Amino acid sequence: GALAANMSASTSSVAKGESFVDTARTLDRMATDVLVIRH
């Protein structure tokens, strides 16, 4: 029953040069409870 979404690096602002930490902070500020990351 969770609200689930997926982010692909190739179609995100990462491709525009956004830093890894800035991306993490952005995702966190979307009221995310769990971040699952492969890198």
All heavy atoms as atom14 arrays in JSON, in Angstrom:
{
  "sequence": "GALAANMSASTSSVAKGESFVDTARTLDRMATDVLVIRH",
  "atom14_mask": [
    [1, 1, 1, 1, 0, 0, 0, 0, 0, 0, 0, 0, 0, 0],
    [1, 1, 1, 1, 1, 0, 0, 0, 0, 0, 0, 0, 0, 0],
    [1, 1, 1, 1, 1, 1, 1, 1, 0, 0, 0, 0, 0, 0],
    [1, 1, 1, 1, 1, 0, 0, 0, 0, 0, 0, 0, 0, 0],
    [1, 1, 1, 1, 1, 0, 0, 0, 0, 0, 0, 0, 0, 0],
    [1, 1, 1, 1, 1, 1, 1, 1, 0, 0, 0, 0, 0, 0],
    [1, 1, 1, 1, 1, 1, 1, 1, 0, 0, 0, 0, 0, 0],
    [1, 1, 1, 1, 1, 1, 0, 0, 0, 0, 0, 0, 0, 0],
    [1, 1, 1, 1, 1, 0, 0, 0, 0, 0, 0, 0, 0, 0],
    [1, 1, 1, 1, 1, 1, 0, 0, 0, 0, 0, 0, 0, 0],
    [1, 1, 1, 1, 1, 1, 1, 0, 0, 0, 0, 0, 0, 0],
    [1, 1, 1, 1, 1, 1, 0, 0, 0, 0, 0, 0, 0, 0],
    [1, 1, 1, 1, 1, 1, 0, 0, 0, 0, 0, 0, 0, 0],
    [1, 1, 1, 1, 1, 1, 1, 0, 0, 0, 0, 0, 0, 0],
    [1, 1, 1, 1, 1, 0, 0, 0, 0, 0, 0, 0, 0, 0],
    [1, 1, 1, 1, 1, 1, 1, 1, 1, 0, 0, 0, 0, 0],
    [1, 1, 1, 1, 0, 0, 0, 0, 0, 0, 0, 0, 0, 0],
    [1, 1, 1, 1, 1, 1, 1, 1, 1, 0, 0, 0, 0, 0],
    [1, 1, 1, 1, 1, 1, 0, 0, 0, 0, 0, 0, 0, 0],
    [1, 1, 1, 1, 1, 1, 1, 1, 1, 1, 1, 0, 0, 0],
    [1, 1, 1, 1, 1, 1, 1, 0, 0, 0, 0, 0, 0, 0],
    [1, 1, 1, 1, 1, 1, 1, 1, 0, 0, 0, 0, 0, 0],
    [1, 1, 1, 1, 1, 1, 1, 0, 0, 0, 0, 0, 0, 0],
    [1, 1, 1, 1, 1, 0, 0, 0, 0, 0, 0, 0, 0, 0],
    [1, 1, 1, 1, 1, 1, 1, 1, 1, 1, 1, 0, 0, 0],
    [1, 1, 1, 1, 1, 1, 1, 0, 0, 0, 0, 0, 0, 0],
    [1, 1, 1, 1, 1, 1, 1, 1, 0, 0, 0, 0, 0, 0],
    [1, 1, 1, 1, 1, 1, 1, 1, 0, 0, 0, 0, 0, 0],
    [1, 1, 1, 1, 1, 1, 1, 1, 1, 1, 1, 0, 0, 0],
    [1, 1, 1, 1, 1, 1, 1, 1, 0, 0, 0, 0, 0, 0],
    [1, 1, 1, 1, 1, 0, 0, 0, 0, 0, 0, 0, 0, 0],
    [1, 1, 1, 1, 1, 1, 1, 0, 0, 0, 0, 0, 0, 0],
    [1, 1, 1, 1, 1, 1, 1, 1, 0, 0, 0, 0, 0, 0],
    [1, 1, 1, 1, 1, 1, 1, 0, 0, 0, 0, 0, 0, 0],
    [1, 1, 1, 1, 1, 1, 1, 1, 0, 0, 0, 0, 0, 0],
    [1, 1, 1, 1, 1, 1, 1, 0, 0, 0, 0, 0, 0, 0],
    [1, 1, 1, 1, 1, 1, 1, 1, 0, 0, 0, 0, 0, 0],
    [1, 1, 1, 1, 1, 1, 1, 1, 1, 1, 1, 0, 0, 0],
    [1, 1, 1, 1, 1, 1, 1, 1, 1, 1, 0, 0, 0, 0]
  ],
  "atom14_positions": [
    [[0.76, -1.23, 0.0], [0.0, 0.0, 0.0], [0.79, 1.28, 0.0], [0.24, 2.36, 0.23], [0.0, 0.0, 0.0], [0.0, 0.0, 0.0], [0.0, 0.0, 0.0], [0.0, 0.0, 0.0], [0.0, 0.0, 0.0], [0.0, 0.0, 0.0], [0.0, 0.0, 0.0], [0.0, 0.0, 0.0], [0.0, 0.0, 0.0], [0.0, 0.0, 0.0]],
    [[2.09, 1.22, -0.27], [2.91, 2.42, -0.29], [2.75, 3.18, -1.59], [2.38, 2.61, -2.63], [4.38, 2.07, -0.08], [0.0, 0.0, 0.0], [0.0, 0.0, 0.0], [0.0, 0.0, 0.0], [0.0, 0.0, 0.0], [0.0, 0.0, 0.0], [0.0, 0.0, 0.0], [0.0, 0.0, 0.0], [0.0, 0.0, 0.0], [0.0, 0.0, 0.0]],
    [[3.04, 4.47, -1.55], [3.17, 5.27, -2.76], [4.57, 5.0, -3.3], [5.56, 5.31, -2.64], [3.0, 6.75, -2.43], [3.13, 7.75, -3.59], [2.02, 7.52, -4.61], [3.09, 9.17, -3.07], [0.0, 0.0, 0.0], [0.0, 0.0, 0.0], [0.0, 0.0, 0.0], [0.0, 0.0, 0.0], [0.0, 0.0, 0.0], [0.0, 0.0, 0.0]],
    [[4.67, 4.39, -4.49], [5.95, 3.95, -5.03], [6.25, 4.65, -6.34], [5.37, 4.85, -7.18], [5.95, 2.44, -5.24], [0.0, 0.0, 0.0], [0.0, 0.0, 0.0], [0.0, 0.0, 0.0], [0.0, 0.0, 0.0], [0.0, 0.0, 0.0], [0.0, 0.0, 0.0], [0.0, 0.0, 0.0], [0.0, 0.0, 0.0], [0.0, 0.0, 0.0]],
    [[7.51, 5.04, -6.5], [7.95, 5.68, -7.74], [9.39, 5.27, -8.02], [10.11, 4.81, -7.13], [7.84, 7.2, -7.64], [0.0, 0.0, 0.0], [0.0, 0.0, 0.0], [0.0, 0.0, 0.0], [0.0, 0.0, 0.0], [0.0, 0.0, 0.0], [0.0, 0.0, 0.0], [0.0, 0.0, 0.0], [0.0, 0.0, 0.0], [0.0, 0.0, 0.0]],
    [[9.81, 5.45, -9.28], [11.15, 5.07, -9.69], [11.83, 6.24, -10.39], [11.2, 6.94, -11.18], [11.11, 3.86, -10.63], [12.47, 3.55, -11.23], [13.4, 3.23, -10.52], [12.57, 3.66, -12.55], [0.0, 0.0, 0.0], [0.0, 0.0, 0.0], [0.0, 0.0, 0.0], [0.0, 0.0, 0.0], [0.0, 0.0, 0.0], [0.0, 0.0, 0.0]],
    [[13.11, 6.46, -10.08], [13.9, 7.46, -10.77], [15.06, 6.8, -11.49], [15.83, 6.05, -10.87], [14.47, 8.49, -9.78], [15.1, 9.7, -10.48], [16.32, 10.57, -9.46], [17.83, 9.7, -9.91], [0.0, 0.0, 0.0], [0.0, 0.0, 0.0], [0.0, 0.0, 0.0], [0.0, 0.0, 0.0], [0.0, 0.0, 0.0], [0.0, 0.0, 0.0]],
    [[15.17, 7.04, -12.77], [16.29, 6.56, -13.56], [17.26, 7.71, -13.78], [16.85, 8.81, -14.17], [15.81, 6.01, -14.9], [16.91, 5.7, -15.74], [0.0, 0.0, 0.0], [0.0, 0.0, 0.0], [0.0, 0.0, 0.0], [0.0, 0.0, 0.0], [0.0, 0.0, 0.0], [0.0, 0.0, 0.0], [0.0, 0.0, 0.0], [0.0, 0.0, 0.0]],
    [[18.53, 7.49, -13.53], [19.51, 8.56, -13.65], [19.55, 9.15, -15.06], [19.73, 10.36, -15.23], [20.89, 8.04, -13.26], [0.0, 0.0, 0.0], [0.0, 0.0, 0.0], [0.0, 0.0, 0.0], [0.0, 0.0, 0.0], [0.0, 0.0, 0.0], [0.0, 0.0, 0.0], [0.0, 0.0, 0.0], [0.0, 0.0, 0.0], [0.0, 0.0, 0.0]],
    [[19.35, 8.32, -16.08], [19.46, 8.78, -17.46], [18.35, 9.74, -17.86], [18.5, 10.52, -18.81], [19.48, 7.59, -18.41], [18.26, 6.86, -18.31], [0.0, 0.0, 0.0], [0.0, 0.0, 0.0], [0.0, 0.0, 0.0], [0.0, 0.0, 0.0], [0.0, 0.0, 0.0], [0.0, 0.0, 0.0], [0.0, 0.0, 0.0], [0.0, 0.0, 0.0]],
    [[17.23, 9.72, -17.15], [16.1, 10.59, -17.49], [15.84, 11.64, -16.41], [14.76, 12.24, -16.36], [14.83, 9.75, -17.72], [14.55, 8.98, -16.54], [15.0, 8.81, -18.91], [0.0, 0.0, 0.0], [0.0, 0.0, 0.0], [0.0, 0.0, 0.0], [0.0, 0.0, 0.0], [0.0, 0.0, 0.0], [0.0, 0.0, 0.0], [0.0, 0.0, 0.0]],
    [[16.8, 11.85, -15.52], [16.64, 12.8, -14.42], [17.6, 13.97, -14.6], [18.34, 14.05, -15.58], [16.93, 12.11, -13.08], [18.32, 11.87, -12.96], [0.0, 0.0, 0.0], [0.0, 0.0, 0.0], [0.0, 0.0, 0.0], [0.0, 0.0, 0.0], [0.0, 0.0, 0.0], [0.0, 0.0, 0.0], [0.0, 0.0, 0.0], [0.0, 0.0, 0.0]],
    [[17.6, 14.87, -13.63], [18.5, 16.03, -13.68], [19.96, 15.64, -13.5], [20.85, 16.48, -13.67], [18.1, 17.05, -12.6], [16.84, 17.63, -12.9], [0.0, 0.0, 0.0], [0.0, 0.0, 0.0], [0.0, 0.0, 0.0], [0.0, 0.0, 0.0], [0.0, 0.0, 0.0], [0.0, 0.0, 0.0], [0.0, 0.0, 0.0], [0.0, 0.0, 0.0]],
    [[20.22, 14.39, -13.13], [21.61, 13.91, -13.09], [22.25, 14.07, -14.46], [23.43, 14.44, -14.59], [21.64, 12.43, -12.65], [23.05, 11.86, -12.8], [21.17, 12.29, -11.21], [0.0, 0.0, 0.0], [0.0, 0.0, 0.0], [0.0, 0.0, 0.0], [0.0, 0.0, 0.0], [0.0, 0.0, 0.0], [0.0, 0.0, 0.0], [0.0, 0.0, 0.0]],
    [[21.45, 13.83, -15.51], [21.95, 13.96, -16.87], [22.28, 15.41, -17.22], [23.0, 15.68, -18.19], [20.93, 13.4, -17.86], [0.0, 0.0, 0.0], [0.0, 0.0, 0.0], [0.0, 0.0, 0.0], [0.0, 0.0, 0.0], [0.0, 0.0, 0.0], [0.0, 0.0, 0.0], [0.0, 0.0, 0.0], [0.0, 0.0, 0.0], [0.0, 0.0, 0.0]],
    [[21.76, 16.35, -16.43], [22.04, 17.77, -16.66], [23.2, 18.28, -15.8], [23.54, 19.45, -15.82], [20.79, 18.6, -16.33], [19.59, 18.27, -17.2], [18.38, 19.1, -16.76], [17.15, 18.75, -17.58], [15.96, 19.54, -17.16], [0.0, 0.0, 0.0], [0.0, 0.0, 0.0], [0.0, 0.0, 0.0], [0.0, 0.0, 0.0], [0.0, 0.0, 0.0]],
    [[23.78, 17.38, -15.0], [24.93, 17.75, -14.2], [24.67, 17.95, -12.73], [25.56, 18.38, -11.99], [0.0, 0.0, 0.0], [0.0, 0.0, 0.0], [0.0, 0.0, 0.0], [0.0, 0.0, 0.0], [0.0, 0.0, 0.0], [0.0, 0.0, 0.0], [0.0, 0.0, 0.0], [0.0, 0.0, 0.0], [0.0, 0.0, 0.0], [0.0, 0.0, 0.0]],
    [[23.45, 17.64, -12.27], [23.16, 17.8, -10.84], [24.03, 16.84, -10.02], [24.2, 15.68, -10.39], [21.68, 17.51, -10.57], [21.27, 17.73, -9.13], [19.77, 17.57, -8.93], [19.25, 16.46, -9.17], [19.12, 18.55, -8.54], [0.0, 0.0, 0.0], [0.0, 0.0, 0.0], [0.0, 0.0, 0.0], [0.0, 0.0, 0.0], [0.0, 0.0, 0.0]],
    [[24.55, 17.31, -8.91], [25.42, 16.49, -8.09], [24.63, 15.39, -7.38], [23.41, 15.5, -7.19], [26.15, 17.34, -7.04], [25.26, 17.71, -5.98], [0.0, 0.0, 0.0], [0.0, 0.0, 0.0], [0.0, 0.0, 0.0], [0.0, 0.0, 0.0], [0.0, 0.0, 0.0], [0.0, 0.0, 0.0], [0.0, 0.0, 0.0], [0.0, 0.0, 0.0]],
    [[25.35, 14.37, -6.97], [24.72, 13.24, -6.29], [24.06, 13.68, -4.98], [22.92, 13.31, -4.69], [25.77, 12.15, -6.02], [25.23, 10.97, -5.27], [24.45, 10.02, -5.9], [25.52, 10.8, -3.92], [23.95, 8.93, -5.21], [25.02, 9.71, -3.21], [24.23, 8.77, -3.87], [0.0, 0.0, 0.0], [0.0, 0.0, 0.0], [0.0, 0.0, 0.0]],
    [[24.76, 14.51, -4.21], [24.22, 14.96, -2.92], [22.99, 15.85, -3.13], [22.0, 15.73, -2.41], [25.3, 15.69, -2.1], [24.69, 16.36, -0.88], [26.4, 14.7, -1.68], [0.0, 0.0, 0.0], [0.0, 0.0, 0.0], [0.0, 0.0, 0.0], [0.0, 0.0, 0.0], [0.0, 0.0, 0.0], [0.0, 0.0, 0.0], [0.0, 0.0, 0.0]],
    [[23.03, 16.74, -4.13], [21.88, 17.59, -4.41], [20.68, 16.76, -4.84], [19.53, 17.05, -4.45], [22.21, 18.62, -5.47], [23.06, 19.77, -4.93], [23.07, 19.97, -3.7], [23.71, 20.46, -5.73], [0.0, 0.0, 0.0], [0.0, 0.0, 0.0], [0.0, 0.0, 0.0], [0.0, 0.0, 0.0], [0.0, 0.0, 0.0], [0.0, 0.0, 0.0]],
    [[20.93, 15.72, -5.62], [19.84, 14.83, -6.02], [19.24, 14.14, -4.79], [18.02, 14.06, -4.64], [20.34, 13.76, -7.01], [20.8, 14.41, -8.2], [19.23, 12.79, -7.39], [0.0, 0.0, 0.0], [0.0, 0.0, 0.0], [0.0, 0.0, 0.0], [0.0, 0.0, 0.0], [0.0, 0.0, 0.0], [0.0, 0.0, 0.0], [0.0, 0.0, 0.0]],
    [[20.1, 13.67, -3.91], [19.63, 12.99, -2.7], [18.78, 13.92, -1.85], [17.7, 13.53, -1.36], [20.82, 12.49, -1.88], [0.0, 0.0, 0.0], [0.0, 0.0, 0.0], [0.0, 0.0, 0.0], [0.0, 0.0, 0.0], [0.0, 0.0, 0.0], [0.0, 0.0, 0.0], [0.0, 0.0, 0.0], [0.0, 0.0, 0.0], [0.0, 0.0, 0.0]],
    [[19.23, 15.15, -1.68], [18.47, 16.11, -0.88], [17.13, 16.44, -1.52], [16.11, 16.59, -0.83], [19.3, 17.39, -0.7], [20.47, 17.23, 0.27], [21.35, 18.45, 0.25], [22.38, 18.38, 1.29], [23.48, 19.14, 1.3], [23.7, 20.0, 0.31], [24.36, 19.02, 2.27], [0.0, 0.0, 0.0], [0.0, 0.0, 0.0], [0.0, 0.0, 0.0]],
    [[17.12, 16.54, -2.83], [15.87, 16.83, -3.54], [14.86, 15.71, -3.33], [13.69, 15.94, -3.03], [16.14, 17.0, -5.05], [17.01, 18.13, -5.24], [14.85, 17.23, -5.81], [0.0, 0.0, 0.0], [0.0, 0.0, 0.0], [0.0, 0.0, 0.0], [0.0, 0.0, 0.0], [0.0, 0.0, 0.0], [0.0, 0.0, 0.0], [0.0, 0.0, 0.0]],
    [[15.31, 14.49, -3.47], [14.41, 13.34, -3.3], [13.91, 13.24, -1.86], [12.76, 12.89, -1.6], [15.15, 12.05, -3.69], [15.65, 11.98, -5.14], [16.42, 10.68, -5.37], [14.49, 12.09, -6.12], [0.0, 0.0, 0.0], [0.0, 0.0, 0.0], [0.0, 0.0, 0.0], [0.0, 0.0, 0.0], [0.0, 0.0, 0.0], [0.0, 0.0, 0.0]],
    [[14.78, 13.56, -0.92], [14.4, 13.5, 0.49], [13.32, 14.54, 0.81], [12.42, 14.28, 1.62], [15.64, 13.75, 1.35], [15.43, 13.4, 2.82], [14.86, 12.33, 3.1], [15.83, 14.2, 3.68], [0.0, 0.0, 0.0], [0.0, 0.0, 0.0], [0.0, 0.0, 0.0], [0.0, 0.0, 0.0], [0.0, 0.0, 0.0], [0.0, 0.0, 0.0]],
    [[13.4, 15.68, 0.18], [12.44, 16.76, 0.44], [11.08, 16.5, -0.2], [10.14, 17.28, 0.0], [13.0, 18.09, -0.06], [14.23, 18.58, 0.69], [13.96, 18.83, 2.16], [13.07, 19.97, 2.36], [12.68, 20.4, 3.54], [13.07, 19.76, 4.64], [11.89, 21.45, 3.64], [0.0, 0.0, 0.0], [0.0, 0.0, 0.0], [0.0, 0.0, 0.0]],
    [[10.96, 15.42, -0.91], [9.66, 15.03, -1.47], [8.88, 14.16, -0.49], [7.99, 13.41, -0.87], [9.85, 14.28, -2.8], [10.39, 15.16, -3.9], [10.61, 14.26, -5.45], [11.24, 15.57, -6.52], [0.0, 0.0, 0.0], [0.0, 0.0, 0.0], [0.0, 0.0, 0.0], [0.0, 0.0, 0.0], [0.0, 0.0, 0.0], [0.0, 0.0, 0.0]],
    [[9.23, 14.28, 0.8], [8.57, 13.52, 1.87], [8.68, 12.02, 1.66], [7.75, 11.27, 1.92], [7.1, 13.94, 1.99], [0.0, 0.0, 0.0], [0.0, 0.0, 0.0], [0.0, 0.0, 0.0], [0.0, 0.0, 0.0], [0.0, 0.0, 0.0], [0.0, 0.0, 0.0], [0.0, 0.0, 0.0], [0.0, 0.0, 0.0], [0.0, 0.0, 0.0]],
    [[9.86, 11.6, 1.21], [10.12, 10.19, 0.96], [10.47, 9.48, 2.27], [11.27, 9.99, 3.06], [11.28, 10.03, -0.04], [10.97, 10.76, -1.22], [11.49, 8.58, -0.4], [0.0, 0.0, 0.0], [0.0, 0.0, 0.0], [0.0, 0.0, 0.0], [0.0, 0.0, 0.0], [0.0, 0.0, 0.0], [0.0, 0.0, 0.0], [0.0, 0.0, 0.0]],
    [[9.89, 8.31, 2.49], [10.19, 7.54, 3.7], [11.37, 6.59, 3.5], [12.17, 6.39, 4.41], [8.95, 6.75, 4.13], [7.83, 7.67, 4.58], [7.99, 8.31, 5.62], [6.8, 7.74, 3.87], [0.0, 0.0, 0.0], [0.0, 0.0, 0.0], [0.0, 0.0, 0.0], [0.0, 0.0, 0.0], [0.0, 0.0, 0.0], [0.0, 0.0, 0.0]],
    [[11.45, 5.97, 2.3], [12.53, 5.03, 2.02], [13.1, 5.31, 0.64], [12.35, 5.44, -0.34], [12.04, 3.56, 2.08], [13.21, 2.6, 1.81], [11.39, 3.25, 3.41], [0.0, 0.0, 0.0], [0.0, 0.0, 0.0], [0.0, 0.0, 0.0], [0.0, 0.0, 0.0], [0.0, 0.0, 0.0], [0.0, 0.0, 0.0], [0.0, 0.0, 0.0]],
    [[14.41, 5.41, 0.56], [15.12, 5.55, -0.71], [15.92, 4.27, -0.96], [16.74, 3.88, -0.13], [16.07, 6.75, -0.66], [15.44, 8.14, -0.76], [16.44, 9.2, -0.3], [15.01, 8.41, -2.2], [0.0, 0.0, 0.0], [0.0, 0.0, 0.0], [0.0, 0.0, 0.0], [0.0, 0.0, 0.0], [0.0, 0.0, 0.0], [0.0, 0.0, 0.0]],
    [[15.65, 3.63, -2.08], [16.36, 2.41, -2.47], [17.3, 2.78, -3.61], [16.86, 3.24, -4.67], [15.37, 1.32, -2.94], [16.13, 0.05, -3.29], [14.32, 1.05, -1.87], [0.0, 0.0, 0.0], [0.0, 0.0, 0.0], [0.0, 0.0, 0.0], [0.0, 0.0, 0.0], [0.0, 0.0, 0.0], [0.0, 0.0, 0.0], [0.0, 0.0, 0.0]],
    [[18.6, 2.61, -3.4], [19.56, 3.09, -4.39], [20.5, 2.0, -4.88], [21.02, 1.21, -4.09], [20.4, 4.28, -3.84], [21.44, 4.72, -4.88], [21.03, 3.95, -2.49], [22.2, 5.97, -4.53], [0.0, 0.0, 0.0], [0.0, 0.0, 0.0], [0.0, 0.0, 0.0], [0.0, 0.0, 0.0], [0.0, 0.0, 0.0], [0.0, 0.0, 0.0]],
    [[20.71, 1.98, -6.2], [21.79, 1.2, -6.81], [22.69, 2.17, -7.55], [22.22, 3.04, -8.27], [21.24, 0.15, -7.79], [22.34, -0.51, -8.62], [21.87, -1.71, -9.4], [21.58, -2.83, -8.49], [21.26, -4.05, -8.92], [21.18, -4.31, -10.21], [21.01, -5.0, -8.05], [0.0, 0.0, 0.0], [0.0, 0.0, 0.0], [0.0, 0.0, 0.0]],
    [[24.0, 2.01, -7.33], [24.95, 2.98, -7.89], [26.27, 2.27, -8.23], [26.7, 1.38, -7.48], [25.21, 4.1, -6.88], [25.74, 5.35, -7.47], [27.05, 5.49, -7.89], [25.14, 6.55, -7.73], [27.24, 6.7, -8.38], [26.09, 7.37, -8.29], [0.0, 0.0, 0.0], [0.0, 0.0, 0.0], [0.0, 0.0, 0.0], [0.0, 0.0, 0.0]]
  ]
}
